Amino acid sequence: MKQLTVRHVEPELAAALDRERRRSGSSLNQTVLDLLRRALGVSRESPTGNGLREFAGGWSAAEHDAFERACEDFERVDEGAWR
């Protein structure tokens, strides 16, 4: 596989890439590859979903796990409240 070096990345572009990296929960390298594939129409994966993620956003695996942990208390039944 070919390796590339990208130079002179403006601070605002670097910040945008970092935001996307955090949002997707991927490495910076994987994020750049995914963005390039989408922009150039050479995605290796078949499209999935209903197309709303672009408008509504989505959660990374880490964000999903954090949400599940935050909601654990709602899954517990307070036996005293039911008597």
C-alpha atoms as a PDB file:
ATOM      1  CA  MET A   1       0.000   0.000   0.000  1.00  0.00           C
ATOM      2  CA  LYS A   2       1.112   3.496  -0.741  1.00  0.00           C
ATOM      3  CA  GLN A   3       1.865   5.927   2.088  1.00  0.00           C
ATOM      4  CA  LEU A   4       1.334   9.673   1.779  1.00  0.00           C
ATOM      5  CA  THR A   5       2.517  12.655   3.755  1.00  0.00           C
ATOM      6  CA  VAL A   6       0.328  15.735   3.858  1.00  0.00           C
ATOM      7  CA  ARG A   7       2.101  19.004   4.606  1.00  0.00           C
ATOM      8  CA  HIS A   8       0.980  22.522   5.412  1.00  0.00           C
ATOM      9  CA  VAL A   9      -2.341  21.553   7.000  1.00  0.00           C
ATOM     10  CA  GLU A  10      -4.008  24.771   8.143  1.00  0.00           C
ATOM     11  CA  PRO A  11      -5.016  24.905  11.831  1.00  0.00           C
ATOM     12  CA  GLU A  12      -8.740  25.121  11.017  1.00  0.00           C
ATOM     13  CA  LEU A  13      -8.516  22.043   8.749  1.00  0.00           C
ATOM     14  CA  ALA A  14      -6.558  20.173  11.423  1.00  0.00           C
ATOM     15  CA  ALA A  15      -9.211  21.103  13.996  1.00  0.00           C
ATOM     16  CA  ALA A  16     -12.013  19.951  11.675  1.00  0.00           C
ATOM     17  CA  LEU A  17     -10.242  16.639  11.101  1.00  0.00           C
ATOM     18  CA  ASP A  18      -9.802  16.208  14.853  1.00  0.00           C
ATOM     19  CA  ARG A  19     -13.511  16.918  15.460  1.00  0.00           C
ATOM     20  CA  GLU A  20     -14.457  14.328  12.847  1.00  0.00           C
ATOM     21  CA  ARG A  21     -11.991  11.842  14.356  1.00  0.00           C
ATOM     22  CA  ARG A  22     -13.541  12.258  17.788  1.00  0.00           C
ATOM     23  CA  ARG A  23     -17.081  12.098  16.391  1.00  0.00           C
ATOM     24  CA  SER A  24     -16.416   8.861  14.534  1.00  0.00           C
ATOM     25  CA  GLY A  25     -14.295   7.309  17.288  1.00  0.00           C
ATOM     26  CA  SER A  26     -11.606   6.412  14.728  1.00  0.00           C
ATOM     27  CA  SER A  27      -7.927   7.165  14.403  1.00  0.00           C
ATOM     28  CA  LEU A  28      -6.871  10.245  12.466  1.00  0.00           C
ATOM     29  CA  ASN A  29      -5.479   8.039   9.687  1.00  0.00           C
ATOM     30  CA  GLN A  30      -8.756   6.089   9.376  1.00  0.00           C
ATOM     31  CA  THR A  31     -10.750   9.319   9.439  1.00  0.00           C
ATOM     32  CA  VAL A  32      -8.720  10.826   6.591  1.00  0.00           C
ATOM     33  CA  LEU A  33      -9.024   7.612   4.550  1.00  0.00           C
ATOM     34  CA  ASP A  34     -12.800   7.481   5.088  1.00  0.00           C
ATOM     35  CA  LEU A  35     -13.204  11.142   4.086  1.00  0.00           C
ATOM     36  CA  LEU A  36     -11.095  10.674   0.966  1.00  0.00           C
ATOM     37  CA  ARG A  37     -13.050   7.561  -0.051  1.00  0.00           C
ATOM     38  CA  ARG A  38     -16.378   9.358   0.343  1.00  0.00           C
ATOM     39  CA  ALA A  39     -15.194  12.508  -1.422  1.00  0.00           C
ATOM     40  CA  LEU A  40     -13.793  10.552  -4.356  1.00  0.00           C
ATOM     41  CA  GLY A  41     -16.608   7.988  -4.537  1.00  0.00           C
ATOM     42  CA  VAL A  42     -14.352   4.987  -3.990  1.00  0.00           C
ATOM     43  CA  SER A  43     -15.832   3.616  -0.780  1.00  0.00           C
ATOM     44  CA  ARG A  44     -14.966  -0.025  -0.172  1.00  0.00           C
ATOM     45  CA  GLU A  45     -18.178  -0.643   1.705  1.00  0.00           C
ATOM     46  CA  SER A  46     -21.656  -0.754   0.326  1.00  0.00           C
ATOM     47  CA  PRO A  47     -23.807   2.128   1.561  1.00  0.00           C
ATOM     48  CA  THR A  48     -25.944   1.335   4.570  1.00  0.00           C
ATOM     49  CA  GLY A  49     -28.467   3.286   6.557  1.00  0.00           C
ATOM     50  CA  ASN A  50     -31.178   5.643   5.471  1.00  0.00           C
ATOM     51  CA  GLY A  51     -29.058   8.690   4.687  1.00  0.00           C
ATOM     52  CA  LEU A  52     -30.181  10.679   7.720  1.00  0.00           C
ATOM     53  CA  ARG A  53     -26.868  10.440   9.586  1.00  0.00           C
ATOM     54  CA  GLU A  54     -25.532  13.344   7.520  1.00  0.00           C
ATOM     55  CA  PHE A  55     -28.341  15.545   8.852  1.00  0.00           C
ATOM     56  CA  ALA A  56     -28.942  14.113  12.309  1.00  0.00           C
ATOM     57  CA  GLY A  57     -25.426  13.002  13.220  1.00  0.00           C
ATOM     58  CA  GLY A  58     -24.562   9.800  14.970  1.00  0.00           C
ATOM     59  CA  TRP A  59     -22.744   8.355  17.911  1.00  0.00           C
ATOM     60  CA  SER A  60     -19.364   6.716  18.037  1.00  0.00           C
ATOM     61  CA  ALA A  61     -19.078   3.451  19.958  1.00  0.00           C
ATOM     62  CA  ALA A  62     -17.528   5.357  22.883  1.00  0.00           C
ATOM     63  CA  GLU A  63     -20.412   7.870  22.946  1.00  0.00           C
ATOM     64  CA  HIS A  64     -22.937   5.036  22.863  1.00  0.00           C
ATOM     65  CA  ASP A  65     -21.204   3.280  25.774  1.00  0.00           C
ATOM     66  CA  ALA A  66     -21.132   6.513  27.789  1.00  0.00           C
ATOM     67  CA  PHE A  67     -24.865   7.014  27.167  1.00  0.00           C
ATOM     68  CA  GLU A  68     -25.636   3.443  28.256  1.00  0.00           C
ATOM     69  CA  ARG A  69     -23.620   3.907  31.469  1.00  0.00           C
ATOM     70  CA  ALA A  70     -25.397   7.204  32.187  1.00  0.00           C
ATOM     71  CA  CYS A  71     -28.798   5.492  31.823  1.00  0.00           C
ATOM     72  CA  GLU A  72     -28.066   2.472  34.026  1.00  0.00           C
ATOM     73  CA  ASP A  73     -29.925   4.009  36.993  1.00  0.00           C
ATOM     74  CA  PHE A  74     -33.121   4.159  34.932  1.00  0.00           C
ATOM     75  CA  GLU A  75     -33.038   0.376  34.508  1.00  0.00           C
ATOM     76  CA  ARG A  76     -33.109  -0.295  38.250  1.00  0.00           C
ATOM     77  CA  VAL A  77     -36.468  -0.833  39.954  1.00  0.00           C
ATOM     78  CA  ASP A  78     -36.938   0.873  43.329  1.00  0.00           C
ATOM     79  CA  GLU A  79     -38.787  -1.875  45.188  1.00  0.00           C
ATOM     80  CA  GLY A  80     -39.851   0.584  47.910  1.00  0.00           C
ATOM     81  CA  ALA A  81     -41.670   2.751  45.394  1.00  0.00           C
ATOM     82  CA  TRP A  82     -43.762  -0.200  44.241  1.00  0.00           C
ATOM     83  CA  ARG A  83     -45.162  -1.139  47.646  1.00  0.00           C
END
